[in-house]
Amino acid sequence: MAEQKSSTPWVIICVFTISLSLGLYFTFAAVQGDFGILRRAEINHDIQKLQAELTSLNVEIADLKNLTRRLSDHYLDLELLDQQARDILGYVRSDELVIQ
């Protein structure tokens, strides 16, 4: 009986140490692990950044669709056609002066 009393503190210390270690490990994993709080904040930041990029790309797509429609056979915008001919092909009118 005397031996059991002397080994009891060691058992309690071992159980306490193991419990404390597991608690610290799971706390660390909850904060900095792959599915932790910090990773979640990083994912939310990435979501906001990608949504802003998606919005800007949708605006750019709408602008390009508008330009494509304005240059189509069914709808011809003469001002846009004149601008494109000047920019891409280098056309000028006879009454204009070109300075390089």
N, C-alpha and C. Protein backbone atom coordinates (compact mmCIF):
# COMPACT_ATOMS: atom_id res chain seq x y z
N MET A 1 0.80 -1.19 0.00
CA MET A 1 0.00 0.00 0.00
C MET A 1 0.85 1.27 0.00
N ALA A 2 1.97 1.19 0.63
CA ALA A 2 2.84 2.36 0.67
C ALA A 2 3.38 2.68 -0.71
N GLU A 3 3.60 1.64 -1.53
CA GLU A 3 4.11 1.87 -2.88
C GLU A 3 3.07 2.56 -3.76
N GLN A 4 1.82 2.23 -3.60
CA GLN A 4 0.79 2.85 -4.42
C GLN A 4 0.68 4.34 -4.12
N LYS A 5 0.84 4.74 -2.90
CA LYS A 5 0.76 6.15 -2.55
C LYS A 5 1.95 6.92 -3.12
N SER A 6 3.10 6.32 -3.16
CA SER A 6 4.26 7.01 -3.70
C SER A 6 4.21 7.12 -5.22
N SER A 7 3.53 6.18 -5.91
CA SER A 7 3.44 6.25 -7.37
C SER A 7 2.26 7.12 -7.83
N THR A 8 1.34 7.41 -6.95
CA THR A 8 0.17 8.20 -7.31
C THR A 8 0.54 9.62 -7.74
N PRO A 9 1.45 10.32 -7.08
CA PRO A 9 1.82 11.67 -7.57
C PRO A 9 2.42 11.63 -8.98
N TRP A 10 3.19 10.61 -9.30
CA TRP A 10 3.77 10.52 -10.65
C TRP A 10 2.67 10.31 -11.70
N VAL A 11 1.68 9.52 -11.37
CA VAL A 11 0.57 9.29 -12.31
C VAL A 11 -0.19 10.59 -12.52
N ILE A 12 -0.44 11.30 -11.45
CA ILE A 12 -1.16 12.58 -11.56
C ILE A 12 -0.35 13.58 -12.38
N ILE A 13 0.95 13.63 -12.13
CA ILE A 13 1.81 14.55 -12.89
C ILE A 13 1.83 14.17 -14.37
N CYS A 14 1.91 12.88 -14.68
CA CYS A 14 1.92 12.43 -16.08
C CYS A 14 0.59 12.75 -16.77
N VAL A 15 -0.51 12.47 -16.10
CA VAL A 15 -1.83 12.76 -16.67
C VAL A 15 -1.99 14.27 -16.88
N PHE A 16 -1.56 15.06 -15.90
CA PHE A 16 -1.65 16.51 -16.03
C PHE A 16 -0.78 17.02 -17.18
N THR A 17 0.43 16.50 -17.30
CA THR A 17 1.34 16.92 -18.36
C THR A 17 0.79 16.55 -19.74
N ILE A 18 0.28 15.35 -19.88
CA ILE A 18 -0.30 14.92 -21.16
C ILE A 18 -1.53 15.77 -21.49
N SER A 19 -2.37 16.03 -20.50
CA SER A 19 -3.57 16.85 -20.74
C SER A 19 -3.18 18.27 -21.13
N LEU A 20 -2.20 18.83 -20.45
CA LEU A 20 -1.75 20.18 -20.77
C LEU A 20 -1.14 20.23 -22.17
N SER A 21 -0.35 19.22 -22.52
CA SER A 21 0.26 19.18 -23.86
C SER A 21 -0.80 19.09 -24.95
N LEU A 22 -1.79 18.23 -24.75
CA LEU A 22 -2.86 18.11 -25.74
C LEU A 22 -3.66 19.41 -25.85
N GLY A 23 -3.93 20.03 -24.72
CA GLY A 23 -4.65 21.29 -24.73
C GLY A 23 -3.89 22.38 -25.48
N LEU A 24 -2.59 22.48 -25.24
CA LEU A 24 -1.77 23.46 -25.95
C LEU A 24 -1.70 23.16 -27.44
N TYR A 25 -1.58 21.89 -27.78
CA TYR A 25 -1.51 21.51 -29.20
C TYR A 25 -2.80 21.90 -29.93
N PHE A 26 -3.94 21.56 -29.34
CA PHE A 26 -5.21 21.86 -30.00
C PHE A 26 -5.49 23.37 -30.03
N THR A 27 -5.04 24.09 -29.02
CA THR A 27 -5.18 25.55 -29.04
C THR A 27 -4.34 26.15 -30.16
N PHE A 28 -3.10 25.69 -30.29
CA PHE A 28 -2.23 26.16 -31.38
C PHE A 28 -2.84 25.83 -32.73
N ALA A 29 -3.37 24.62 -32.89
CA ALA A 29 -3.97 24.22 -34.16
C ALA A 29 -5.21 25.05 -34.47
N ALA A 30 -5.97 25.41 -33.45
CA ALA A 30 -7.18 26.21 -33.67
C ALA A 30 -6.84 27.63 -34.10
N VAL A 31 -5.70 28.13 -33.69
CA VAL A 31 -5.33 29.50 -34.04
C VAL A 31 -4.53 29.54 -35.34
N GLN A 32 -3.51 28.70 -35.48
CA GLN A 32 -2.59 28.82 -36.60
C GLN A 32 -2.58 27.62 -37.53
N GLY A 33 -3.45 26.68 -37.36
CA GLY A 33 -3.46 25.50 -38.22
C GLY A 33 -4.04 25.79 -39.60
N ASP A 34 -4.14 24.75 -40.41
CA ASP A 34 -4.67 24.89 -41.77
C ASP A 34 -6.12 25.37 -41.76
N PHE A 35 -6.87 25.03 -40.74
CA PHE A 35 -8.27 25.44 -40.64
C PHE A 35 -8.48 26.38 -39.45
N GLY A 36 -7.43 27.07 -39.04
CA GLY A 36 -7.47 27.93 -37.86
C GLY A 36 -8.03 29.31 -38.14
N ILE A 37 -8.03 30.10 -37.10
CA ILE A 37 -8.60 31.44 -37.16
C ILE A 37 -7.81 32.34 -38.12
N LEU A 38 -6.49 32.27 -38.06
CA LEU A 38 -5.67 33.12 -38.93
C LEU A 38 -5.83 32.74 -40.39
N ARG A 39 -5.91 31.46 -40.68
CA ARG A 39 -6.11 31.02 -42.06
C ARG A 39 -7.48 31.47 -42.57
N ARG A 40 -8.48 31.44 -41.71
CA ARG A 40 -9.82 31.88 -42.08
C ARG A 40 -9.82 33.37 -42.43
N ALA A 41 -9.10 34.18 -41.65
CA ALA A 41 -9.01 35.61 -41.94
C ALA A 41 -8.30 35.84 -43.28
N GLU A 42 -7.26 35.05 -43.55
CA GLU A 42 -6.55 35.17 -44.83
C GLU A 42 -7.46 34.79 -46.00
N ILE A 43 -8.25 33.76 -45.82
CA ILE A 43 -9.18 33.33 -46.87
C ILE A 43 -10.23 34.41 -47.12
N ASN A 44 -10.75 35.03 -46.07
CA ASN A 44 -11.74 36.10 -46.23
C ASN A 44 -11.14 37.29 -46.98
N HIS A 45 -9.88 37.61 -46.68
CA HIS A 45 -9.21 38.70 -47.39
C HIS A 45 -9.04 38.35 -48.87
N ASP A 46 -8.66 37.12 -49.16
CA ASP A 46 -8.52 36.68 -50.55
C ASP A 46 -9.86 36.72 -51.28
N ILE A 47 -10.93 36.36 -50.59
CA ILE A 47 -12.27 36.40 -51.20
C ILE A 47 -12.62 37.82 -51.60
N GLN A 48 -12.38 38.78 -50.71
CA GLN A 48 -12.69 40.18 -51.02
C GLN A 48 -11.86 40.69 -52.19
N LYS A 49 -10.57 40.32 -52.21
CA LYS A 49 -9.70 40.76 -53.30
C LYS A 49 -10.13 40.16 -54.63
N LEU A 50 -10.50 38.89 -54.64
CA LEU A 50 -10.93 38.23 -55.87
C LEU A 50 -12.28 38.75 -56.34
N GLN A 51 -13.17 39.10 -55.41
CA GLN A 51 -14.45 39.67 -55.81
C GLN A 51 -14.26 41.05 -56.45
N ALA A 52 -13.33 41.83 -55.93
CA ALA A 52 -13.03 43.13 -56.54
C ALA A 52 -12.45 42.94 -57.94
N GLU A 53 -11.58 41.95 -58.10
CA GLU A 53 -11.02 41.66 -59.42
C GLU A 53 -12.10 41.18 -60.38
N LEU A 54 -13.03 40.36 -59.88
CA LEU A 54 -14.13 39.89 -60.72
C LEU A 54 -15.00 41.05 -61.18
N THR A 55 -15.27 41.98 -60.29
CA THR A 55 -16.07 43.15 -60.65
C THR A 55 -15.38 43.97 -61.74
N SER A 56 -14.08 44.20 -61.59
CA SER A 56 -13.37 44.99 -62.60
C SER A 56 -13.31 44.25 -63.93
N LEU A 57 -13.17 42.93 -63.90
CA LEU A 57 -13.16 42.16 -65.14
C LEU A 57 -14.53 42.17 -65.82
N ASN A 58 -15.60 42.13 -65.02
CA ASN A 58 -16.94 42.21 -65.60
C ASN A 58 -17.18 43.56 -66.27
N VAL A 59 -16.66 44.62 -65.67
CA VAL A 59 -16.78 45.95 -66.28
C VAL A 59 -16.00 45.99 -67.59
N GLU A 60 -14.80 45.41 -67.58
CA GLU A 60 -13.99 45.38 -68.81
C GLU A 60 -14.67 44.56 -69.90
N ILE A 61 -15.28 43.45 -69.52
CA ILE A 61 -16.00 42.62 -70.50
C ILE A 61 -17.18 43.40 -71.09
N ALA A 62 -17.90 44.12 -70.24
CA ALA A 62 -19.03 44.92 -70.73
C ALA A 62 -18.55 45.99 -71.71
N ASP A 63 -17.42 46.63 -71.41
CA ASP A 63 -16.88 47.64 -72.33
C ASP A 63 -16.48 47.02 -73.66
N LEU A 64 -15.84 45.86 -73.61
CA LEU A 64 -15.42 45.20 -74.85
C LEU A 64 -16.62 44.72 -75.67
N LYS A 65 -17.67 44.24 -74.98
CA LYS A 65 -18.88 43.85 -75.70
C LYS A 65 -19.52 45.06 -76.38
N ASN A 66 -19.50 46.19 -75.69
CA ASN A 66 -20.06 47.42 -76.27
C ASN A 66 -19.27 47.83 -77.51
N LEU A 67 -17.94 47.79 -77.42
CA LEU A 67 -17.12 48.14 -78.59
C LEU A 67 -17.34 47.16 -79.73
N THR A 68 -17.46 45.89 -79.42
CA THR A 68 -17.69 44.88 -80.46
C THR A 68 -19.03 45.11 -81.14
N ARG A 69 -20.04 45.42 -80.34
CA ARG A 69 -21.37 45.68 -80.91
C ARG A 69 -21.35 46.92 -81.78
N ARG A 70 -20.62 47.94 -81.35
CA ARG A 70 -20.57 49.19 -82.12
C ARG A 70 -19.81 49.03 -83.43
N LEU A 71 -18.95 48.02 -83.54
CA LEU A 71 -18.22 47.78 -84.78
C LEU A 71 -18.85 46.68 -85.63
N SER A 72 -19.98 46.15 -85.20
CA SER A 72 -20.61 45.05 -85.95
C SER A 72 -21.30 45.58 -87.21
N ASP A 73 -21.71 44.66 -88.07
CA ASP A 73 -22.39 45.03 -89.31
C ASP A 73 -23.78 45.61 -89.06
N HIS A 74 -24.44 45.16 -88.01
CA HIS A 74 -25.80 45.60 -87.72
C HIS A 74 -25.84 47.00 -87.11
N TYR A 75 -24.79 47.39 -86.44
CA TYR A 75 -24.75 48.69 -85.78
C TYR A 75 -23.36 49.27 -86.03
N LEU A 76 -23.28 50.26 -86.85
CA LEU A 76 -21.98 50.84 -87.20
C LEU A 76 -21.90 52.26 -86.64
N ASP A 77 -20.98 52.47 -85.73
CA ASP A 77 -20.74 53.78 -85.15
C ASP A 77 -19.62 54.44 -85.95
N LEU A 78 -19.95 55.46 -86.71
CA LEU A 78 -18.98 56.09 -87.60
C LEU A 78 -17.84 56.78 -86.84
N GLU A 79 -18.15 57.35 -85.69
CA GLU A 79 -17.10 58.00 -84.90
C GLU A 79 -16.09 56.97 -84.39
N LEU A 80 -16.59 55.83 -83.93
CA LEU A 80 -15.69 54.78 -83.47
C LEU A 80 -14.88 54.22 -84.63
N LEU A 81 -15.50 54.04 -85.77
CA LEU A 81 -14.79 53.55 -86.95
C LEU A 81 -13.70 54.53 -87.36
N ASP A 82 -14.01 55.82 -87.33
CA ASP A 82 -13.02 56.84 -87.67
C ASP A 82 -11.85 56.81 -86.67
N GLN A 83 -12.18 56.70 -85.39
CA GLN A 83 -11.14 56.64 -84.36
C GLN A 83 -10.25 55.42 -84.55
N GLN A 84 -10.84 54.26 -84.80
CA GLN A 84 -10.05 53.04 -84.98
C GLN A 84 -9.18 53.14 -86.24
N ALA A 85 -9.70 53.70 -87.31
CA ALA A 85 -8.92 53.85 -88.54
C ALA A 85 -7.73 54.78 -88.31
N ARG A 86 -7.92 55.83 -87.54
CA ARG A 86 -6.83 56.75 -87.25
C ARG A 86 -5.78 56.10 -86.35
N ASP A 87 -6.23 55.40 -85.30
CA ASP A 87 -5.30 54.81 -84.34
C ASP A 87 -4.53 53.63 -84.93
N ILE A 88 -5.23 52.73 -85.58
CA ILE A 88 -4.61 51.49 -86.03
C ILE A 88 -3.95 51.65 -87.40
N LEU A 89 -4.66 52.26 -88.34
CA LEU A 89 -4.16 52.33 -89.71
C LEU A 89 -3.42 53.63 -90.01
N GLY A 90 -3.54 54.62 -89.15
CA GLY A 90 -2.83 55.88 -89.36
C GLY A 90 -3.46 56.78 -90.38
N TYR A 91 -4.76 56.66 -90.61
CA TYR A 91 -5.44 57.51 -91.59
C TYR A 91 -5.58 58.93 -91.06
N VAL A 92 -5.46 59.89 -91.98
CA VAL A 92 -5.71 61.29 -91.66
C VAL A 92 -6.54 61.89 -92.79
N ARG A 93 -7.28 62.93 -92.47
CA ARG A 93 -8.04 63.62 -93.51
C ARG A 93 -7.10 64.54 -94.29
N SER A 94 -7.55 64.95 -95.46
CA SER A 94 -6.70 65.76 -96.32
C SER A 94 -6.49 67.17 -95.77
N ASP A 95 -7.41 67.64 -94.92
CA ASP A 95 -7.27 68.99 -94.38
C ASP A 95 -6.56 69.01 -93.02
N GLU A 96 -6.00 67.88 -92.59
CA GLU A 96 -5.31 67.81 -91.30
C GLU A 96 -3.80 67.87 -91.51
N LEU A 97 -3.11 68.40 -90.52
CA LEU A 97 -1.67 68.49 -90.54
C LEU A 97 -1.11 67.50 -89.52
N VAL A 98 -0.19 66.63 -89.94
CA VAL A 98 0.38 65.61 -89.06
C VAL A 98 1.75 66.09 -88.58
N ILE A 99 1.92 66.12 -87.27
CA ILE A 99 3.20 66.52 -86.67
C ILE A 99 3.76 65.30 -85.94
N GLN A 100 5.00 64.95 -86.27
CA GLN A 100 5.62 63.78 -85.62
C GLN A 100 6.78 64.18 -84.75
